[in-house]
């Protein structure tokens, strides 16, 4: 598992990273009561066309381009993402 700066980092499977992305985005959507249709409209305001079904698929799989991830961070108004938050999510992925 991922350790602090001074400790060894163990390999983490790609599927775990995808699950972190999925859980992070879903959590932020839930906090803000944003549905996939809402997310689609918010992204369209940035000039990005994604259907609600397409977003649901990408977010559920945790697979998307970096550009879409950054746009989601922006429209969801994600203020803080720390290494500890990522470690916390990773710790629950394998449970």
PDB file of N, CA and C in Angstrom:
ATOM      1  N   UNK A   1       0.842  -1.188   0.000  1.00  0.00           N
ATOM      2  CA  UNK A   1       0.000   0.000   0.000  1.00  0.00           C
ATOM      3  C   UNK A   1       0.881   1.243   0.000  1.00  0.00           C
ATOM      4  N   UNK A   2       0.327   2.327  -0.465  1.00  0.00           N
ATOM      5  CA  UNK A   2       1.044   3.592  -0.548  1.00  0.00           C
ATOM      6  C   UNK A   2       1.377   4.100   0.848  1.00  0.00           C
ATOM      7  N   UNK A   3       2.621   4.481   1.049  1.00  0.00           N
ATOM      8  CA  UNK A   3       3.095   4.925   2.358  1.00  0.00           C
ATOM      9  C   UNK A   3       3.425   6.411   2.330  1.00  0.00           C
ATOM     10  N   UNK A   4       3.839   6.935   3.466  1.00  0.00           N
ATOM     11  CA  UNK A   4       4.268   8.327   3.563  1.00  0.00           C
ATOM     12  C   UNK A   4       5.560   8.536   2.792  1.00  0.00           C
ATOM     13  N   UNK A   5       5.983   9.783   2.641  1.00  0.00           N
ATOM     14  CA  UNK A   5       7.128  10.155   1.817  1.00  0.00           C
ATOM     15  C   UNK A   5       8.389   9.340   2.093  1.00  0.00           C
ATOM     16  N   UNK A   6       8.693   9.075   3.342  1.00  0.00           N
ATOM     17  CA  UNK A   6       9.954   8.433   3.692  1.00  0.00           C
ATOM     18  C   UNK A   6       9.890   6.910   3.632  1.00  0.00           C
ATOM     19  N   UNK A   7       8.722   6.342   3.416  1.00  0.00           N
ATOM     20  CA  UNK A   7       8.559   4.896   3.422  1.00  0.00           C
ATOM     21  C   UNK A   7       8.455   4.349   2.004  1.00  0.00           C
ATOM     22  N   UNK A   8       8.686   3.055   1.877  1.00  0.00           N
ATOM     23  CA  UNK A   8       8.612   2.359   0.600  1.00  0.00           C
ATOM     24  C   UNK A   8       7.184   2.379   0.057  1.00  0.00           C
ATOM     25  N   UNK A   9       7.045   2.504  -1.253  1.00  0.00           N
ATOM     26  CA  UNK A   9       5.739   2.461  -1.889  1.00  0.00           C
ATOM     27  C   UNK A   9       5.561   1.084  -2.515  1.00  0.00           C
ATOM     28  N   UNK A  10       4.503   0.393  -2.134  1.00  0.00           N
ATOM     29  CA  UNK A  10       4.194  -0.911  -2.704  1.00  0.00           C
ATOM     30  C   UNK A  10       3.381  -0.725  -3.975  1.00  0.00           C
ATOM     31  N   UNK A  11       3.522  -1.639  -4.929  1.00  0.00           N
ATOM     32  CA  UNK A  11       2.733  -1.540  -6.166  1.00  0.00           C
ATOM     33  C   UNK A  11       1.231  -1.603  -5.870  1.00  0.00           C
ATOM     34  N   UNK A  12       0.488  -0.800  -6.599  1.00  0.00           N
ATOM     35  CA  UNK A  12      -0.964  -0.767  -6.457  1.00  0.00           C
ATOM     36  C   UNK A  12      -1.556  -1.038  -7.832  1.00  0.00           C
ATOM     37  N   UNK A  13      -2.457  -2.008  -7.948  1.00  0.00           N
ATOM     38  CA  UNK A  13      -3.031  -2.340  -9.256  1.00  0.00           C
ATOM     39  C   UNK A  13      -3.825  -1.180  -9.856  1.00  0.00           C
ATOM     40  N   UNK A  14      -3.851  -1.123 -11.179  1.00  0.00           N
ATOM     41  CA  UNK A  14      -4.595  -0.074 -11.886  1.00  0.00           C
ATOM     42  C   UNK A  14      -6.056  -0.037 -11.468  1.00  0.00           C
ATOM     43  N   UNK A  15      -6.636  -1.198 -11.253  1.00  0.00           N
ATOM     44  CA  UNK A  15      -8.049  -1.251 -10.862  1.00  0.00           C
ATOM     45  C   UNK A  15      -8.298  -0.500  -9.557  1.00  0.00           C
ATOM     46  N   UNK A  16      -7.345  -0.519  -8.655  1.00  0.00           N
ATOM     47  CA  UNK A  16      -7.499   0.212  -7.390  1.00  0.00           C
ATOM     48  C   UNK A  16      -7.490   1.715  -7.628  1.00  0.00           C
ATOM     49  N   UNK A  17      -6.613   2.182  -8.508  1.00  0.00           N
ATOM     50  CA  UNK A  17      -6.570   3.613  -8.830  1.00  0.00           C
ATOM     51  C   UNK A  17      -7.875   4.040  -9.483  1.00  0.00           C
ATOM     52  N   UNK A  18      -8.407   3.200 -10.357  1.00  0.00           N
ATOM     53  CA  UNK A  18      -9.680   3.516 -11.014  1.00  0.00           C
ATOM     54  C   UNK A  18     -10.800   3.610  -9.988  1.00  0.00           C
ATOM     55  N   UNK A  19     -10.764   2.724  -9.013  1.00  0.00           N
ATOM     56  CA  UNK A  19     -11.781   2.748  -7.963  1.00  0.00           C
ATOM     57  C   UNK A  19     -11.664   4.026  -7.128  1.00  0.00           C
ATOM     58  N   UNK A  20     -10.457   4.497  -6.896  1.00  0.00           N
ATOM     59  CA  UNK A  20     -10.257   5.761  -6.176  1.00  0.00           C
ATOM     60  C   UNK A  20     -10.906   6.902  -6.950  1.00  0.00           C
ATOM     61  N   UNK A  21     -10.661   6.967  -8.254  1.00  0.00           N
ATOM     62  CA  UNK A  21     -11.253   8.017  -9.091  1.00  0.00           C
ATOM     63  C   UNK A  21     -12.774   7.932  -9.018  1.00  0.00           C
ATOM     64  N   UNK A  22     -13.310   6.746  -9.186  1.00  0.00           N
ATOM     65  CA  UNK A  22     -14.752   6.553  -9.161  1.00  0.00           C
ATOM     66  C   UNK A  22     -15.353   7.000  -7.830  1.00  0.00           C
ATOM     67  N   UNK A  23     -14.788   6.542  -6.741  1.00  0.00           N
ATOM     68  CA  UNK A  23     -15.324   6.891  -5.414  1.00  0.00           C
ATOM     69  C   UNK A  23     -15.193   8.377  -5.116  1.00  0.00           C
ATOM     70  N   UNK A  24     -14.090   8.970  -5.525  1.00  0.00           N
ATOM     71  CA  UNK A  24     -13.885  10.395  -5.281  1.00  0.00           C
ATOM     72  C   UNK A  24     -14.946  11.224  -6.000  1.00  0.00           C
ATOM     73  N   UNK A  25     -15.151  10.965  -7.286  1.00  0.00           N
ATOM     74  CA  UNK A  25     -16.129  11.735  -8.061  1.00  0.00           C
ATOM     75  C   UNK A  25     -17.543  11.491  -7.529  1.00  0.00           C
ATOM     76  N   UNK A  26     -17.892  10.243  -7.276  1.00  0.00           N
ATOM     77  CA  UNK A  26     -19.231   9.939  -6.758  1.00  0.00           C
ATOM     78  C   UNK A  26     -19.468  10.600  -5.403  1.00  0.00           C
ATOM     79  N   UNK A  27     -18.461  10.607  -4.568  1.00  0.00           N
ATOM     80  CA  UNK A  27     -18.580  11.236  -3.253  1.00  0.00           C
ATOM     81  C   UNK A  27     -18.852  12.728  -3.387  1.00  0.00           C
ATOM     82  N   UNK A  28     -18.109  13.376  -4.263  1.00  0.00           N
ATOM     83  CA  UNK A  28     -18.301  14.818  -4.458  1.00  0.00           C
ATOM     84  C   UNK A  28     -19.667  15.112  -5.062  1.00  0.00           C
ATOM     85  N   UNK A  29     -20.119  14.263  -5.982  1.00  0.00           N
ATOM     86  CA  UNK A  29     -21.457  14.436  -6.556  1.00  0.00           C
ATOM     87  C   UNK A  29     -22.520  14.305  -5.465  1.00  0.00           C
ATOM     88  N   UNK A  30     -22.359  13.318  -4.610  1.00  0.00           N
ATOM     89  CA  UNK A  30     -23.318  13.079  -3.537  1.00  0.00           C
ATOM     90  C   UNK A  30     -23.358  14.249  -2.549  1.00  0.00           C
ATOM     91  N   UNK A  31     -22.196  14.752  -2.170  1.00  0.00           N
ATOM     92  CA  UNK A  31     -22.127  15.887  -1.237  1.00  0.00           C
ATOM     93  C   UNK A  31     -22.891  17.089  -1.767  1.00  0.00           C
ATOM     94  N   UNK A  32     -22.839  17.268  -3.080  1.00  0.00           N
ATOM     95  CA  UNK A  32     -23.452  18.447  -3.701  1.00  0.00           C
ATOM     96  C   UNK A  32     -24.824  18.154  -4.305  1.00  0.00           C
ATOM     97  N   UNK A  33     -25.287  16.900  -4.125  1.00  0.00           N
ATOM     98  CA  UNK A  33     -26.581  16.478  -4.673  1.00  0.00           C
ATOM     99  C   UNK A  33     -26.647  16.722  -6.183  1.00  0.00           C
ATOM    100  N   UNK A  34     -25.567  16.401  -6.868  1.00  0.00           N
ATOM    101  CA  UNK A  34     -25.484  16.565  -8.316  1.00  0.00           C
ATOM    102  C   UNK A  34     -25.701  15.213  -8.975  1.00  0.00           C
ATOM    103  N   UNK A  35     -26.642  15.163  -9.905  1.00  0.00           N
ATOM    104  CA  UNK A  35     -26.936  13.950 -10.672  1.00  0.00           C
ATOM    105  C   UNK A  35     -26.134  13.986 -11.975  1.00  0.00           C
ATOM    106  N   UNK A  36     -26.128  12.868 -12.679  1.00  0.00           N
ATOM    107  CA  UNK A  36     -25.369  12.787 -13.929  1.00  0.00           C
ATOM    108  C   UNK A  36     -25.900  13.765 -14.982  1.00  0.00           C
ATOM    109  N   UNK A  37     -27.222  13.980 -15.020  1.00  0.00           N
ATOM    110  CA  UNK A  37     -27.781  14.972 -15.952  1.00  0.00           C
ATOM    111  C   UNK A  37     -27.270  16.371 -15.616  1.00  0.00           C
ATOM    112  N   UNK A  38     -27.205  16.688 -14.326  1.00  0.00           N
ATOM    113  CA  UNK A  38     -26.683  17.986 -13.885  1.00  0.00           C
ATOM    114  C   UNK A  38     -25.220  18.129 -14.294  1.00  0.00           C
ATOM    115  N   UNK A  39     -24.471  17.071 -14.082  1.00  0.00           N
ATOM    116  CA  UNK A  39     -23.048  17.077 -14.417  1.00  0.00           C
ATOM    117  C   UNK A  39     -22.855  17.309 -15.914  1.00  0.00           C
ATOM    118  N   UNK A  40     -23.683  16.670 -16.713  1.00  0.00           N
ATOM    119  CA  UNK A  40     -23.619  16.846 -18.162  1.00  0.00           C
ATOM    120  C   UNK A  40     -23.849  18.308 -18.541  1.00  0.00           C
ATOM    121  N   UNK A  41     -24.841  18.935 -17.914  1.00  0.00           N
ATOM    122  CA  UNK A  41     -25.133  20.348 -18.198  1.00  0.00           C
ATOM    123  C   UNK A  41     -23.988  21.262 -17.746  1.00  0.00           C
ATOM    124  N   UNK A  42     -23.438  20.983 -16.572  1.00  0.00           N
ATOM    125  CA  UNK A  42     -22.321  21.798 -16.070  1.00  0.00           C
ATOM    126  C   UNK A  42     -21.106  21.702 -16.996  1.00  0.00           C
ATOM    127  N   UNK A  43     -20.830  20.506 -17.469  1.00  0.00           N
ATOM    128  CA  UNK A  43     -19.699  20.326 -18.388  1.00  0.00           C
ATOM    129  C   UNK A  43     -19.958  21.021 -19.722  1.00  0.00           C
ATOM    130  N   UNK A  44     -21.212  21.000 -20.165  1.00  0.00           N
ATOM    131  CA  UNK A  44     -21.548  21.656 -21.426  1.00  0.00           C
ATOM    132  C   UNK A  44     -21.292  23.157 -21.343  1.00  0.00           C
ATOM    133  N   UNK A  45     -21.471  23.738 -20.158  1.00  0.00           N
ATOM    134  CA  UNK A  45     -21.172  25.159 -19.973  1.00  0.00           C
ATOM    135  C   UNK A  45     -19.690  25.444 -20.195  1.00  0.00           C
ATOM    136  N   UNK A  46     -18.842  24.426 -20.006  1.00  0.00           N
ATOM    137  CA  UNK A  46     -17.401  24.565 -20.271  1.00  0.00           C
ATOM    138  C   UNK A  46     -17.057  24.244 -21.722  1.00  0.00           C
ATOM    139  N   UNK A  47     -18.079  23.801 -22.475  1.00  0.00           N
ATOM    140  CA  UNK A  47     -17.840  23.438 -23.865  1.00  0.00           C
ATOM    141  C   UNK A  47     -17.564  21.959 -24.074  1.00  0.00           C
ATOM    142  N   UNK A  48     -17.786  21.152 -23.040  1.00  0.00           N
ATOM    143  CA  UNK A  48     -17.556  19.712 -23.122  1.00  0.00           C
ATOM    144  C   UNK A  48     -18.890  18.995 -23.213  1.00  0.00           C
ATOM    145  N   UNK A  49     -19.062  18.233 -24.272  1.00  0.00           N
ATOM    146  CA  UNK A  49     -20.313  17.497 -24.459  1.00  0.00           C
ATOM    147  C   UNK A  49     -20.121  16.055 -24.026  1.00  0.00           C
ATOM    148  N   UNK A  50     -20.814  15.700 -22.964  1.00  0.00           N
ATOM    149  CA  UNK A  50     -20.823  14.334 -22.437  1.00  0.00           C
ATOM    150  C   UNK A  50     -22.259  14.033 -22.023  1.00  0.00           C
ATOM    151  N   UNK A  51     -22.814  12.953 -22.540  1.00  0.00           N
ATOM    152  CA  UNK A  51     -24.163  12.583 -22.112  1.00  0.00           C
ATOM    153  C   UNK A  51     -24.107  12.061 -20.679  1.00  0.00           C
ATOM    154  N   UNK A  52     -25.255  12.092 -20.023  1.00  0.00           N
ATOM    155  CA  UNK A  52     -25.328  11.569 -18.659  1.00  0.00           C
ATOM    156  C   UNK A  52     -24.938  10.091 -18.639  1.00  0.00           C
ATOM    157  N   UNK A  53     -25.387   9.334 -19.641  1.00  0.00           N
ATOM    158  CA  UNK A  53     -25.061   7.899 -19.707  1.00  0.00           C
ATOM    159  C   UNK A  53     -23.562   7.684 -19.886  1.00  0.00           C
ATOM    160  N   UNK A  54     -22.944   8.498 -20.718  1.00  0.00           N
ATOM    161  CA  UNK A  54     -21.500   8.393 -20.947  1.00  0.00           C
ATOM    162  C   UNK A  54     -20.729   8.725 -19.668  1.00  0.00           C
ATOM    163  N   UNK A  55     -21.141   9.771 -18.981  1.00  0.00           N
ATOM    164  CA  UNK A  55     -20.494  10.148 -17.721  1.00  0.00           C
ATOM    165  C   UNK A  55     -20.650   9.046 -16.673  1.00  0.00           C
ATOM    166  N   UNK A  56     -21.846   8.499 -16.587  1.00  0.00           N
ATOM    167  CA  UNK A  56     -22.098   7.417 -15.620  1.00  0.00           C
ATOM    168  C   UNK A  56     -21.151   6.251 -15.882  1.00  0.00           C
ATOM    169  N   UNK A  57     -21.000   5.883 -17.146  1.00  0.00           N
ATOM    170  CA  UNK A  57     -20.123   4.781 -17.523  1.00  0.00           C
ATOM    171  C   UNK A  57     -18.665   5.077 -17.165  1.00  0.00           C
ATOM    172  N   UNK A  58     -18.191   6.258 -17.526  1.00  0.00           N
ATOM    173  CA  UNK A  58     -16.794   6.626 -17.255  1.00  0.00           C
ATOM    174  C   UNK A  58     -16.519   6.717 -15.755  1.00  0.00           C
ATOM    175  N   UNK A  59     -17.431   7.332 -15.032  1.00  0.00           N
ATOM    176  CA  UNK A  59     -17.235   7.504 -13.590  1.00  0.00           C
ATOM    177  C   UNK A  59     -17.331   6.160 -12.872  1.00  0.00           C
ATOM    178  N   UNK A  60     -18.285   5.331 -13.257  1.00  0.00           N
ATOM    179  CA  UNK A  60     -18.401   4.011 -12.622  1.00  0.00           C
ATOM    180  C   UNK A  60     -17.164   3.156 -12.850  1.00  0.00           C
ATOM    181  N   UNK A  61     -16.564   3.257 -14.029  1.00  0.00           N
ATOM    182  CA  UNK A  61     -15.352   2.490 -14.323  1.00  0.00           C
ATOM    183  C   UNK A  61     -14.102   3.177 -13.784  1.00  0.00           C
ATOM    184  N   UNK A  62     -14.203   4.483 -13.515  1.00  0.00           N
ATOM    185  CA  UNK A  62     -13.038   5.233 -13.037  1.00  0.00           C
ATOM    186  C   UNK A  62     -12.015   5.470 -14.128  1.00  0.00           C
ATOM    187  N   UNK A  63     -12.453   5.389 -15.379  1.00  0.00           N
ATOM    188  CA  UNK A  63     -11.545   5.563 -16.513  1.00  0.00           C
ATOM    189  C   UNK A  63     -12.006   6.767 -17.328  1.00  0.00           C
ATOM    190  N   UNK A  64     -11.132   7.757 -17.412  1.00  0.00           N
ATOM    191  CA  UNK A  64     -11.421   8.967 -18.187  1.00  0.00           C
ATOM    192  C   UNK A  64     -10.112   9.667 -18.461  1.00  0.00           C
ATOM    193  N   UNK A  65     -10.129  10.562 -19.415  1.00  0.00           N
ATOM    194  CA  UNK A  65      -8.941  11.341 -19.716  1.00  0.00           C
ATOM    195  C   UNK A  65      -8.670  12.360 -18.618  1.00  0.00           C
ATOM    196  N   UNK A  66      -7.439  12.783 -18.559  1.00  0.00           N
ATOM    197  CA  UNK A  66      -7.049  13.788 -17.561  1.00  0.00           C
ATOM    198  C   UNK A  66      -7.833  15.076 -17.755  1.00  0.00           C
ATOM    199  N   UNK A  67      -8.125  15.425 -19.012  1.00  0.00           N
ATOM    200  CA  UNK A  67      -8.871  16.653 -19.266  1.00  0.00           C
ATOM    201  C   UNK A  67     -10.263  16.590 -18.641  1.00  0.00           C
ATOM    202  N   UNK A  68     -10.952  15.463 -18.794  1.00  0.00           N
ATOM    203  CA  UNK A  68     -12.279  15.324 -18.199  1.00  0.00           C
ATOM    204  C   UNK A  68     -12.191  15.314 -16.673  1.00  0.00           C
ATOM    205  N   UNK A  69     -11.196  14.651 -16.128  1.00  0.00           N
ATOM    206  CA  UNK A  69     -11.029  14.631 -14.670  1.00  0.00           C
ATOM    207  C   UNK A  69     -10.858  16.049 -14.122  1.00  0.00           C
ATOM    208  N   UNK A  70     -10.031  16.850 -14.777  1.00  0.00           N
ATOM    209  CA  UNK A  70      -9.820  18.238 -14.331  1.00  0.00           C
ATOM    210  C   UNK A  70     -11.108  19.047 -14.467  1.00  0.00           C
ATOM    211  N   UNK A  71     -11.855  18.820 -15.541  1.00  0.00           N
ATOM    212  CA  UNK A  71     -13.127  19.522 -15.713  1.00  0.00           C
ATOM    213  C   UNK A  71     -14.121  19.127 -14.623  1.00  0.00           C
ATOM    214  N   UNK A  72     -14.141  17.856 -14.255  1.00  0.00           N
ATOM    215  CA  UNK A  72     -15.023  17.405 -13.179  1.00  0.00           C
ATOM    216  C   UNK A  72     -14.632  18.038 -11.849  1.00  0.00           C
ATOM    217  N   UNK A  73     -13.344  18.109 -11.584  1.00  0.00           N
ATOM    218  CA  UNK A  73     -12.862  18.776 -10.365  1.00  0.00           C
ATOM    219  C   UNK A  73     -13.356  20.223 -10.341  1.00  0.00           C
ATOM    220  N   UNK A  74     -13.316  20.875 -11.484  1.00  0.00           N
ATOM    221  CA  UNK A  74     -13.743  22.270 -11.583  1.00  0.00           C
ATOM    222  C   UNK A  74     -15.249  22.417 -11.368  1.00  0.00           C
ATOM    223  N   UNK A  75     -16.063  21.656 -12.112  1.00  0.00           N
ATOM    224  CA  UNK A  75     -17.513  21.835 -12.002  1.00  0.00           C
ATOM    225  C   UNK A  75     -18.064  21.321 -10.672  1.00  0.00           C
ATOM    226  N   UNK A  76     -17.367  20.370 -10.049  1.00  0.00           N
ATOM    227  CA  UNK A  76     -17.788  19.894  -8.727  1.00  0.00           C
ATOM    228  C   UNK A  76     -17.234  20.762  -7.602  1.00  0.00           C
ATOM    229  N   UNK A  77     -16.409  21.734  -7.982  1.00  0.00           N
ATOM    230  CA  UNK A  77     -15.832  22.677  -7.023  1.00  0.00           C
ATOM    231  C   UNK A  77     -15.060  21.957  -5.915  1.00  0.00           C
ATOM    232  N   UNK A  78     -14.288  20.956  -6.318  1.00  0.00           N
ATOM    233  CA  UNK A  78     -13.461  20.209  -5.370  1.00  0.00           C
ATOM    234  C   UNK A  78     -12.339  21.116  -4.895  1.00  0.00           C
ATOM    235  N   UNK A  79     -12.344  21.431  -3.610  1.00  0.00           N
ATOM    236  CA  UNK A  79     -11.393  22.394  -3.061  1.00  0.00           C
ATOM    237  C   UNK A  79     -10.091  21.773  -2.590  1.00  0.00           C
ATOM    238  N   UNK A  80     -10.175  20.571  -2.047  1.00  0.00           N
ATOM    239  CA  UNK A  80      -8.976  19.960  -1.463  1.00  0.00           C
ATOM    240  C   UNK A  80      -8.911  18.483  -1.821  1.00  0.00           C
ATOM    241  N   UNK A  81      -7.776  18.073  -2.298  1.00  0.00           N
ATOM    242  CA  UNK A  81      -7.496  16.658  -2.518  1.00  0.00           C
ATOM    243  C   UNK A  81      -6.087  16.426  -2.009  1.00  0.00           C
ATOM    244  N   UNK A  82      -5.996  15.722  -0.912  1.00  0.00           N
ATOM    245  CA  UNK A  82      -4.699  15.523  -0.278  1.00  0.00           C
ATOM    246  C   UNK A  82      -4.239  14.075  -0.440  1.00  0.00           C
ATOM    247  N   UNK A  83      -2.940  13.844  -0.302  1.00  0.00           N
ATOM    248  CA  UNK A  83      -2.450  12.461  -0.322  1.00  0.00           C
ATOM    249  C   UNK A  83      -3.136  11.593   0.739  1.00  0.00           C
ATOM    250  N   UNK A  84      -3.414  12.167   1.897  1.00  0.00           N
ATOM    251  CA  UNK A  84      -4.092  11.398   2.947  1.00  0.00           C
ATOM    252  C   UNK A  84      -5.497  10.972   2.516  1.00  0.00           C
ATOM    253  N   UNK A  85      -6.201  11.840   1.791  1.00  0.00           N
ATOM    254  CA  UNK A  85      -7.526  11.479   1.290  1.00  0.00           C
ATOM    255  C   UNK A  85      -7.422  10.303   0.329  1.00  0.00           C
ATOM    256  N   UNK A  86      -6.430  10.341  -0.544  1.00  0.00           N
ATOM    257  CA  UNK A  86      -6.241   9.258  -1.509  1.00  0.00           C
ATOM    258  C   UNK A  86      -5.892   7.963  -0.781  1.00  0.00           C
ATOM    259  N   UNK A  87      -4.998   8.043   0.198  1.00  0.00           N
ATOM    260  CA  UNK A  87      -4.628   6.858   0.991  1.00  0.00           C
ATOM    261  C   UNK A  87      -5.846   6.268   1.703  1.00  0.00           C
ATOM    262  N   UNK A  88      -6.690   7.142   2.224  1.00  0.00           N
ATOM    263  CA  UNK A  88      -7.886   6.692   2.934  1.00  0.00           C
ATOM    264  C   UNK A  88      -8.817   5.920   1.999  1.00  0.00           C
ATOM    265  N   UNK A  89      -9.018   6.440   0.799  1.00  0.00           N
ATOM    266  CA  UNK A  89      -9.862   5.746  -0.176  1.00  0.00           C
ATOM    267  C   UNK A  89      -9.210   4.427  -0.581  1.00  0.00           C
ATOM    268  N   UNK A  90      -7.908   4.459  -0.852  1.00  0.00           N
ATOM    269  CA  UNK A  90      -7.190   3.235  -1.229  1.00  0.00           C
ATOM    270  C   UNK A  90      -7.315   2.158  -0.161  1.00  0.00           C
ATOM    271  N   UNK A  91      -7.275   2.560   1.088  1.00  0.00           N
ATOM    272  CA  UNK A  91      -7.360   1.597   2.187  1.00  0.00           C
ATOM    273  C   UNK A  91      -8.699   0.869   2.191  1.00  0.00           C
ATOM    274  N   UNK A  92      -9.747   1.522   1.705  1.00  0.00           N
ATOM    275  CA  UNK A  92     -11.068   0.893   1.689  1.00  0.00           C
ATOM    276  C   UNK A  92     -11.324   0.101   0.417  1.00  0.00           C
ATOM    277  N   UNK A  93     -10.527   0.315  -0.616  1.00  0.00           N
ATOM    278  CA  UNK A  93     -10.724  -0.375  -1.893  1.00  0.00           C
ATOM    279  C   UNK A  93     -10.535  -1.872  -1.741  1.00  0.00           C
ATOM    280  N   UNK A  94      -9.558  -2.287  -0.993  1.00  0.00           N
ATOM    281  CA  UNK A  94      -9.235  -3.704  -0.857  1.00  0.00           C
ATOM    282  C   UNK A  94     -10.084  -4.431   0.174  1.00  0.00           C
ATOM    283  N   UNK A  95     -10.941  -3.705   0.853  1.00  0.00           N
ATOM    284  CA  UNK A  95     -11.755  -4.335   1.905  1.00  0.00           C
ATOM    285  C   UNK A  95     -12.909  -5.104   1.318  1.00  0.00           C
TER     286      UNK A  95
END
